[in-house]
């Protein structure tokens, strides 16, 4: 079976701390693969190096026969959910969605995601539910044509 992820002799240090010490692993197509270890074992660093988010100090990595550091087309074929997000504290959801969408050649319309995924929604304001119902009901109640504006109106956020 084809190996879709290959990491050979992967190393990564942070100062004098060797976080990843010559790790080699291979994942075959169709395999559910678990990378296990205690906190601080290097799991997140290995994954970040495999994805090309962090530059390994040594070793080689390929995902779908692509070098994740050089060929960002990889993100068009692989979905990623990071363990932690280092976003600016004041970033808006829409800004984060736009930033993520720029990784893809033809991204879907993230504004329609809530409408497509949620049968019902609950909008909170200062710890209190201010709306509960469907997206269509939210648009109707707010008098807005699109959900983003309806959300802003119902949640009391400022419209830009």
N, C-alpha and C. Protein backbone atom coordinates (compact mmCIF):
# COMPACT_ATOMS: atom_id res chain seq x y z
N UNK A 1 0.83 -1.19 0.00
CA UNK A 1 0.00 0.00 0.00
C UNK A 1 0.88 1.26 0.00
N UNK A 2 0.43 2.29 -0.68
CA UNK A 2 1.18 3.53 -0.83
C UNK A 2 1.34 4.27 0.51
N UNK A 3 2.56 4.73 0.77
CA UNK A 3 2.81 5.54 1.96
C UNK A 3 2.49 6.99 1.63
N UNK A 4 1.53 7.57 2.36
CA UNK A 4 1.14 8.95 2.07
C UNK A 4 1.83 9.96 2.97
N UNK A 5 2.34 9.50 4.12
CA UNK A 5 3.14 10.36 5.00
C UNK A 5 4.44 9.63 5.29
N UNK A 6 5.54 10.34 5.07
CA UNK A 6 6.86 9.79 5.37
C UNK A 6 7.65 10.84 6.14
N UNK A 7 8.11 10.45 7.31
CA UNK A 7 9.01 11.30 8.09
C UNK A 7 10.21 10.43 8.44
N UNK A 8 11.40 10.86 8.06
CA UNK A 8 12.60 10.07 8.29
C UNK A 8 13.62 10.89 9.06
N UNK A 9 14.06 10.34 10.20
CA UNK A 9 15.09 10.97 11.04
C UNK A 9 14.76 12.41 11.39
N UNK A 10 13.49 12.67 11.70
CA UNK A 10 13.02 14.01 12.03
C UNK A 10 13.61 14.46 13.36
N UNK A 11 14.21 15.64 13.38
CA UNK A 11 14.72 16.23 14.62
C UNK A 11 14.28 17.68 14.72
N UNK A 12 14.03 18.12 15.95
CA UNK A 12 13.67 19.51 16.21
C UNK A 12 14.07 19.84 17.64
N UNK A 13 14.82 20.92 17.79
CA UNK A 13 15.24 21.37 19.12
C UNK A 13 14.75 22.80 19.34
N UNK A 14 14.48 23.09 20.58
CA UNK A 14 14.16 24.45 21.02
C UNK A 14 15.24 24.81 22.02
N UNK A 15 16.24 25.54 21.55
CA UNK A 15 17.40 25.83 22.39
C UNK A 15 18.12 24.53 22.69
N UNK A 16 18.29 24.23 23.99
CA UNK A 16 18.98 23.00 24.37
C UNK A 16 18.02 21.81 24.54
N UNK A 17 16.71 22.05 24.43
CA UNK A 17 15.73 20.98 24.56
C UNK A 17 15.53 20.28 23.22
N UNK A 18 15.87 19.01 23.15
CA UNK A 18 15.65 18.22 21.95
C UNK A 18 14.23 17.66 22.02
N UNK A 19 13.32 18.30 21.32
CA UNK A 19 11.89 17.93 21.38
C UNK A 19 11.59 16.70 20.54
N UNK A 20 12.28 16.56 19.41
CA UNK A 20 12.09 15.41 18.51
C UNK A 20 13.48 14.89 18.16
N UNK A 21 13.71 13.61 18.45
CA UNK A 21 15.04 13.03 18.32
C UNK A 21 15.06 11.90 17.30
N UNK A 22 15.31 12.23 16.04
CA UNK A 22 15.44 11.26 14.95
C UNK A 22 14.23 10.33 14.85
N UNK A 23 13.06 10.90 14.80
CA UNK A 23 11.82 10.12 14.67
C UNK A 23 11.60 9.78 13.20
N UNK A 24 11.29 8.52 12.95
CA UNK A 24 10.92 8.07 11.61
C UNK A 24 9.56 7.39 11.70
N UNK A 25 8.65 7.75 10.79
CA UNK A 25 7.35 7.09 10.74
C UNK A 25 6.81 7.15 9.33
N UNK A 26 5.96 6.17 9.02
CA UNK A 26 5.36 6.07 7.71
C UNK A 26 3.89 5.74 7.90
N UNK A 27 3.02 6.40 7.17
CA UNK A 27 1.58 6.13 7.25
C UNK A 27 1.11 5.74 5.85
N UNK A 28 0.48 4.59 5.77
CA UNK A 28 -0.02 4.10 4.48
C UNK A 28 -1.43 4.61 4.22
N UNK A 29 -1.75 4.80 2.96
CA UNK A 29 -3.08 5.26 2.54
C UNK A 29 -4.16 4.39 3.18
N UNK A 30 -5.20 5.03 3.70
CA UNK A 30 -6.31 4.32 4.29
C UNK A 30 -6.10 3.89 5.72
N UNK A 31 -4.96 4.22 6.30
CA UNK A 31 -4.64 3.81 7.67
C UNK A 31 -5.05 4.90 8.66
N UNK A 32 -5.72 4.51 9.73
CA UNK A 32 -5.97 5.42 10.85
C UNK A 32 -4.76 5.28 11.76
N UNK A 33 -3.97 6.33 11.84
CA UNK A 33 -2.68 6.28 12.54
C UNK A 33 -2.75 7.12 13.80
N UNK A 34 -2.30 6.58 14.91
CA UNK A 34 -2.27 7.33 16.17
C UNK A 34 -0.85 7.64 16.57
N UNK A 35 -0.58 8.88 16.92
CA UNK A 35 0.72 9.29 17.44
C UNK A 35 0.50 9.56 18.92
N UNK A 36 1.02 8.69 19.77
CA UNK A 36 0.71 8.73 21.20
C UNK A 36 1.93 9.09 22.02
N UNK A 37 1.70 9.62 23.20
CA UNK A 37 2.78 9.94 24.13
C UNK A 37 2.27 10.89 25.19
N UNK A 38 3.00 10.98 26.27
CA UNK A 38 2.63 11.87 27.37
C UNK A 38 2.82 13.32 26.96
N UNK A 39 2.32 14.24 27.78
CA UNK A 39 2.55 15.67 27.53
C UNK A 39 4.05 15.92 27.44
N UNK A 40 4.45 16.68 26.44
CA UNK A 40 5.86 16.99 26.27
C UNK A 40 6.66 15.94 25.53
N UNK A 41 5.99 14.90 25.04
CA UNK A 41 6.70 13.82 24.34
C UNK A 41 7.15 14.21 22.94
N UNK A 42 6.58 15.28 22.39
CA UNK A 42 6.97 15.73 21.06
C UNK A 42 5.92 15.50 19.98
N UNK A 43 4.74 15.05 20.36
CA UNK A 43 3.69 14.74 19.37
C UNK A 43 3.33 15.96 18.54
N UNK A 44 3.03 17.05 19.18
CA UNK A 44 2.62 18.27 18.46
C UNK A 44 3.74 18.77 17.55
N UNK A 45 4.97 18.72 18.03
CA UNK A 45 6.10 19.18 17.22
C UNK A 45 6.28 18.29 15.99
N UNK A 46 6.12 16.98 16.15
CA UNK A 46 6.22 16.07 15.00
C UNK A 46 5.16 16.43 13.97
N UNK A 47 3.91 16.59 14.42
CA UNK A 47 2.82 16.92 13.50
C UNK A 47 3.08 18.27 12.83
N UNK A 48 3.52 19.26 13.58
CA UNK A 48 3.79 20.59 13.00
C UNK A 48 4.90 20.51 11.96
N UNK A 49 5.91 19.67 12.20
CA UNK A 49 6.99 19.49 11.21
C UNK A 49 6.47 18.76 9.97
N UNK A 50 5.62 17.76 10.19
CA UNK A 50 5.06 17.02 9.05
C UNK A 50 4.21 17.95 8.18
N UNK A 51 3.47 18.85 8.82
CA UNK A 51 2.62 19.78 8.07
C UNK A 51 3.38 20.95 7.46
N UNK A 52 4.62 21.12 7.86
CA UNK A 52 5.40 22.24 7.34
C UNK A 52 5.18 23.53 8.10
N UNK A 53 4.50 23.46 9.23
CA UNK A 53 4.26 24.65 10.05
C UNK A 53 5.53 25.03 10.80
N UNK A 54 6.29 24.02 11.21
CA UNK A 54 7.59 24.24 11.84
C UNK A 54 8.67 23.62 10.97
N UNK A 55 9.82 24.26 10.92
CA UNK A 55 10.95 23.76 10.14
C UNK A 55 11.73 22.78 11.02
N UNK A 56 11.83 21.51 10.59
CA UNK A 56 12.65 20.58 11.38
C UNK A 56 14.12 20.97 11.27
N UNK A 57 14.89 20.64 12.30
CA UNK A 57 16.33 20.89 12.25
C UNK A 57 17.04 19.85 11.40
N UNK A 58 16.42 18.69 11.26
CA UNK A 58 17.01 17.63 10.45
C UNK A 58 15.95 16.63 10.03
N UNK A 59 16.29 15.84 9.03
CA UNK A 59 15.38 14.82 8.54
C UNK A 59 14.60 15.29 7.33
N UNK A 60 13.78 14.39 6.82
CA UNK A 60 12.97 14.70 5.64
C UNK A 60 11.52 14.33 5.90
N UNK A 61 10.63 15.06 5.22
CA UNK A 61 9.20 14.84 5.35
C UNK A 61 8.57 14.93 3.97
N UNK A 62 7.61 14.04 3.70
CA UNK A 62 6.77 14.21 2.51
C UNK A 62 5.36 13.77 2.87
N UNK A 63 4.40 14.49 2.34
CA UNK A 63 2.98 14.18 2.51
C UNK A 63 2.37 14.18 1.12
N UNK A 64 1.77 13.07 0.75
CA UNK A 64 1.22 12.90 -0.60
C UNK A 64 2.27 13.22 -1.66
N UNK A 65 3.50 12.79 -1.37
CA UNK A 65 4.67 12.99 -2.25
C UNK A 65 5.05 14.46 -2.41
N UNK A 66 4.55 15.33 -1.55
CA UNK A 66 4.88 16.75 -1.60
C UNK A 66 5.73 17.13 -0.39
N UNK A 67 6.61 18.10 -0.56
CA UNK A 67 7.37 18.65 0.56
C UNK A 67 6.50 19.75 1.19
N UNK A 68 6.02 19.54 2.41
CA UNK A 68 5.09 20.51 3.00
C UNK A 68 5.68 21.89 3.23
N UNK A 69 6.99 22.02 3.28
CA UNK A 69 7.61 23.34 3.45
C UNK A 69 7.67 24.11 2.13
N UNK A 70 7.71 23.39 1.03
CA UNK A 70 7.90 24.04 -0.26
C UNK A 70 6.64 24.08 -1.10
N UNK A 71 5.77 23.11 -0.95
CA UNK A 71 4.59 23.01 -1.81
C UNK A 71 3.32 23.16 -0.99
N UNK A 72 2.81 24.38 -0.89
CA UNK A 72 1.65 24.68 -0.05
C UNK A 72 0.35 24.16 -0.67
N UNK A 73 0.43 23.59 -1.88
CA UNK A 73 -0.75 22.94 -2.47
C UNK A 73 -1.24 21.81 -1.59
N UNK A 74 -0.40 21.36 -0.71
CA UNK A 74 -0.75 20.29 0.21
C UNK A 74 -2.05 20.60 0.95
N UNK A 75 -2.24 21.84 1.33
CA UNK A 75 -3.43 22.23 2.09
C UNK A 75 -4.71 22.13 1.28
N UNK A 76 -4.58 22.01 -0.04
CA UNK A 76 -5.75 21.81 -0.88
C UNK A 76 -6.22 20.35 -0.83
N UNK A 77 -5.37 19.46 -0.32
CA UNK A 77 -5.69 18.04 -0.31
C UNK A 77 -5.82 17.46 1.10
N UNK A 78 -5.37 18.19 2.10
CA UNK A 78 -5.33 17.68 3.47
C UNK A 78 -6.01 18.68 4.39
N UNK A 79 -6.95 18.21 5.18
CA UNK A 79 -7.59 19.06 6.18
C UNK A 79 -6.83 18.98 7.49
N UNK A 80 -6.71 20.10 8.18
CA UNK A 80 -5.92 20.17 9.39
C UNK A 80 -6.70 20.89 10.48
N UNK A 81 -6.69 20.33 11.68
CA UNK A 81 -7.22 21.00 12.86
C UNK A 81 -6.11 21.02 13.90
N UNK A 82 -5.56 22.19 14.16
CA UNK A 82 -4.45 22.29 15.10
C UNK A 82 -4.94 22.13 16.53
N UNK A 83 -4.05 21.61 17.39
CA UNK A 83 -4.37 21.40 18.79
C UNK A 83 -4.63 22.73 19.48
N UNK A 84 -3.79 23.69 19.23
CA UNK A 84 -3.95 25.01 19.82
C UNK A 84 -3.83 26.04 18.71
N UNK A 85 -4.49 27.13 18.90
CA UNK A 85 -4.45 28.19 17.91
C UNK A 85 -3.82 29.42 18.55
N UNK A 86 -2.86 29.99 17.89
CA UNK A 86 -2.19 31.17 18.40
C UNK A 86 -2.71 32.44 17.74
N UNK A 87 -4.00 32.63 17.76
CA UNK A 87 -4.60 33.79 17.12
C UNK A 87 -4.50 35.02 18.01
N UNK A 88 -4.57 36.17 17.37
CA UNK A 88 -4.59 37.40 18.13
C UNK A 88 -5.86 37.42 18.98
N UNK A 89 -5.78 37.93 20.20
CA UNK A 89 -6.94 37.87 21.10
C UNK A 89 -8.18 38.60 20.58
N UNK A 90 -8.01 39.61 19.77
CA UNK A 90 -9.15 40.40 19.29
C UNK A 90 -9.59 40.03 17.88
N UNK A 91 -9.05 38.93 17.33
CA UNK A 91 -9.41 38.56 15.95
C UNK A 91 -10.87 38.14 15.89
N UNK A 92 -11.54 38.53 14.83
CA UNK A 92 -12.94 38.16 14.62
C UNK A 92 -13.00 36.82 13.89
N UNK A 93 -14.07 36.08 14.10
CA UNK A 93 -14.23 34.79 13.44
C UNK A 93 -14.14 34.96 11.93
N UNK A 94 -14.75 36.01 11.41
CA UNK A 94 -14.72 36.22 9.96
C UNK A 94 -13.28 36.43 9.46
N UNK A 95 -12.45 37.13 10.24
CA UNK A 95 -11.06 37.36 9.85
C UNK A 95 -10.27 36.05 9.86
N UNK A 96 -10.53 35.21 10.85
CA UNK A 96 -9.85 33.92 10.93
C UNK A 96 -10.27 33.02 9.78
N UNK A 97 -11.55 33.04 9.43
CA UNK A 97 -12.04 32.24 8.30
C UNK A 97 -11.42 32.71 6.99
N UNK A 98 -11.32 34.02 6.81
CA UNK A 98 -10.70 34.56 5.60
C UNK A 98 -9.23 34.18 5.53
N UNK A 99 -8.54 34.22 6.67
CA UNK A 99 -7.12 33.86 6.72
C UNK A 99 -6.93 32.39 6.36
N UNK A 100 -7.77 31.52 6.88
CA UNK A 100 -7.68 30.10 6.59
C UNK A 100 -8.04 29.82 5.13
N UNK A 101 -9.05 30.50 4.62
CA UNK A 101 -9.49 30.29 3.24
C UNK A 101 -8.38 30.60 2.24
N UNK A 102 -7.49 31.53 2.58
CA UNK A 102 -6.43 31.90 1.63
C UNK A 102 -5.43 30.77 1.41
N UNK A 103 -5.47 29.72 2.22
CA UNK A 103 -4.58 28.56 2.01
C UNK A 103 -5.02 27.71 0.83
N UNK A 104 -6.26 27.87 0.41
CA UNK A 104 -6.83 26.99 -0.61
C UNK A 104 -7.02 27.71 -1.93
N UNK A 105 -6.85 26.97 -3.02
CA UNK A 105 -6.99 27.54 -4.36
C UNK A 105 -8.43 27.98 -4.62
N UNK A 106 -9.39 27.13 -4.31
CA UNK A 106 -10.80 27.47 -4.49
C UNK A 106 -11.57 27.13 -3.21
N UNK A 107 -11.46 27.99 -2.20
CA UNK A 107 -12.12 27.70 -0.93
C UNK A 107 -13.63 27.80 -1.04
N UNK A 108 -14.31 27.03 -0.21
CA UNK A 108 -15.76 27.15 -0.12
C UNK A 108 -16.13 28.44 0.57
N UNK A 109 -17.37 28.82 0.50
CA UNK A 109 -17.84 30.04 1.14
C UNK A 109 -18.10 29.74 2.61
N UNK A 110 -17.16 30.13 3.46
CA UNK A 110 -17.27 29.84 4.89
C UNK A 110 -18.49 30.51 5.52
N UNK A 111 -19.01 31.57 4.90
CA UNK A 111 -20.17 32.28 5.46
C UNK A 111 -21.42 31.39 5.47
N UNK A 112 -21.45 30.41 4.56
CA UNK A 112 -22.61 29.53 4.45
C UNK A 112 -22.46 28.27 5.31
N UNK A 113 -21.31 28.13 5.96
CA UNK A 113 -21.04 26.92 6.72
C UNK A 113 -22.04 26.71 7.86
N UNK A 114 -22.32 27.74 8.63
CA UNK A 114 -23.28 27.61 9.74
C UNK A 114 -24.64 27.20 9.19
N UNK A 115 -25.05 27.82 8.11
CA UNK A 115 -26.34 27.50 7.51
C UNK A 115 -26.38 26.06 7.05
N UNK A 116 -25.27 25.55 6.52
CA UNK A 116 -25.24 24.18 6.01
C UNK A 116 -25.11 23.14 7.12
N UNK A 117 -24.44 23.48 8.21
CA UNK A 117 -24.14 22.49 9.24
C UNK A 117 -25.15 22.46 10.39
N UNK A 118 -25.84 23.55 10.63
CA UNK A 118 -26.67 23.64 11.83
C UNK A 118 -28.16 23.60 11.51
N UNK A 119 -28.83 22.64 12.13
CA UNK A 119 -30.29 22.61 12.03
C UNK A 119 -30.90 23.71 12.89
N UNK A 120 -30.31 23.92 14.05
CA UNK A 120 -30.76 24.98 14.97
C UNK A 120 -29.54 25.68 15.52
N UNK A 121 -29.74 26.92 15.94
CA UNK A 121 -28.66 27.70 16.53
C UNK A 121 -29.15 28.38 17.79
N UNK A 122 -28.20 28.71 18.65
CA UNK A 122 -28.48 29.50 19.85
C UNK A 122 -27.46 30.62 19.85
N UNK A 123 -27.91 31.86 19.95
CA UNK A 123 -27.01 33.00 19.98
C UNK A 123 -26.98 33.53 21.40
N UNK A 124 -25.78 33.64 21.95
CA UNK A 124 -25.60 34.13 23.31
C UNK A 124 -25.10 35.56 23.30
N UNK A 125 -25.51 36.29 24.32
CA UNK A 125 -25.02 37.65 24.53
C UNK A 125 -24.84 37.82 26.02
N UNK A 126 -23.57 38.06 26.43
CA UNK A 126 -23.24 38.23 27.84
C UNK A 126 -23.77 37.06 28.68
N UNK A 127 -23.57 35.84 28.19
CA UNK A 127 -23.95 34.64 28.93
C UNK A 127 -25.42 34.29 28.91
N UNK A 128 -26.20 35.00 28.12
CA UNK A 128 -27.64 34.80 28.06
C UNK A 128 -28.05 34.47 26.64
N UNK A 129 -28.97 33.51 26.49
CA UNK A 129 -29.46 33.15 25.16
C UNK A 129 -30.40 34.25 24.67
N UNK A 130 -30.05 34.87 23.55
CA UNK A 130 -30.89 35.93 22.99
C UNK A 130 -31.67 35.45 21.77
N UNK A 131 -31.29 34.29 21.25
CA UNK A 131 -32.02 33.71 20.13
C UNK A 131 -31.80 32.21 20.13
N UNK A 132 -32.87 31.46 19.83
CA UNK A 132 -32.77 30.02 19.65
C UNK A 132 -33.75 29.64 18.54
N UNK A 133 -33.25 28.98 17.51
CA UNK A 133 -34.11 28.58 16.41
C UNK A 133 -33.27 28.23 15.19
N UNK A 134 -33.88 28.30 14.02
CA UNK A 134 -33.17 27.98 12.79
C UNK A 134 -32.50 29.23 12.22
N UNK A 135 -31.60 29.02 11.28
CA UNK A 135 -30.96 30.15 10.60
C UNK A 135 -32.02 30.98 9.89
N UNK A 136 -32.99 30.33 9.24
CA UNK A 136 -34.06 31.05 8.54
C UNK A 136 -34.86 31.90 9.53
N UNK A 137 -35.14 31.37 10.70
CA UNK A 137 -35.87 32.13 11.70
C UNK A 137 -35.05 33.32 12.21
N UNK A 138 -33.74 33.14 12.32
CA UNK A 138 -32.87 34.24 12.75
C UNK A 138 -32.88 35.36 11.72
N UNK A 139 -32.81 34.99 10.44
CA UNK A 139 -32.85 36.00 9.38
C UNK A 139 -34.20 36.71 9.38
N UNK A 140 -35.28 35.94 9.58
CA UNK A 140 -36.62 36.52 9.59
C UNK A 140 -36.79 37.47 10.78
N UNK A 141 -36.39 37.03 11.97
CA UNK A 141 -36.55 37.84 13.18
C UNK A 141 -35.75 39.13 13.10
N UNK A 142 -34.55 39.05 12.51
CA UNK A 142 -33.68 40.22 12.44
C UNK A 142 -34.02 41.15 11.28
N UNK A 143 -34.74 40.62 10.29
CA UNK A 143 -35.04 41.40 9.10
C UNK A 143 -33.86 41.50 8.15
N UNK A 144 -32.87 40.62 8.32
CA UNK A 144 -31.67 40.64 7.48
C UNK A 144 -31.74 39.53 6.44
N UNK A 145 -31.12 39.79 5.28
CA UNK A 145 -31.14 38.81 4.20
C UNK A 145 -30.09 37.71 4.35
N UNK A 146 -28.97 38.02 5.02
CA UNK A 146 -27.95 36.98 5.18
C UNK A 146 -27.71 36.71 6.66
N UNK A 147 -27.21 35.53 6.94
CA UNK A 147 -27.06 35.10 8.32
C UNK A 147 -26.02 35.92 9.07
N UNK A 148 -24.92 36.29 8.41
CA UNK A 148 -23.88 37.06 9.09
C UNK A 148 -24.46 38.35 9.67
N UNK A 149 -25.25 39.07 8.89
CA UNK A 149 -25.87 40.31 9.38
C UNK A 149 -26.90 40.01 10.47
N UNK A 150 -27.65 38.91 10.29
CA UNK A 150 -28.65 38.53 11.30
C UNK A 150 -27.96 38.23 12.63
N UNK A 151 -26.86 37.50 12.56
CA UNK A 151 -26.11 37.20 13.78
C UNK A 151 -25.65 38.48 14.46
N UNK A 152 -25.05 39.39 13.69
CA UNK A 152 -24.55 40.64 14.26
C UNK A 152 -25.68 41.42 14.92
N UNK A 153 -26.83 41.49 14.29
CA UNK A 153 -27.97 42.24 14.84
C UNK A 153 -28.49 41.56 16.10
N UNK A 154 -28.73 40.25 16.05
CA UNK A 154 -29.30 39.55 17.18
C UNK A 154 -28.35 39.46 18.37
N UNK A 155 -27.07 39.42 18.10
CA UNK A 155 -26.09 39.32 19.21
C UNK A 155 -25.72 40.67 19.79
N UNK A 156 -26.17 41.74 19.11
CA UNK A 156 -25.86 43.08 19.59
C UNK A 156 -24.49 43.57 19.17
N UNK A 157 -23.85 42.83 18.28
CA UNK A 157 -22.54 43.26 17.78
C UNK A 157 -22.75 44.37 16.75
N UNK A 158 -21.73 45.16 16.57
CA UNK A 158 -21.80 46.24 15.59
C UNK A 158 -21.69 45.70 14.18
N UNK A 159 -22.50 46.20 13.26
CA UNK A 159 -22.35 45.83 11.85
C UNK A 159 -21.31 46.74 11.23
N UNK A 160 -20.44 46.13 10.41
CA UNK A 160 -19.37 46.92 9.76
C UNK A 160 -19.84 47.44 8.44
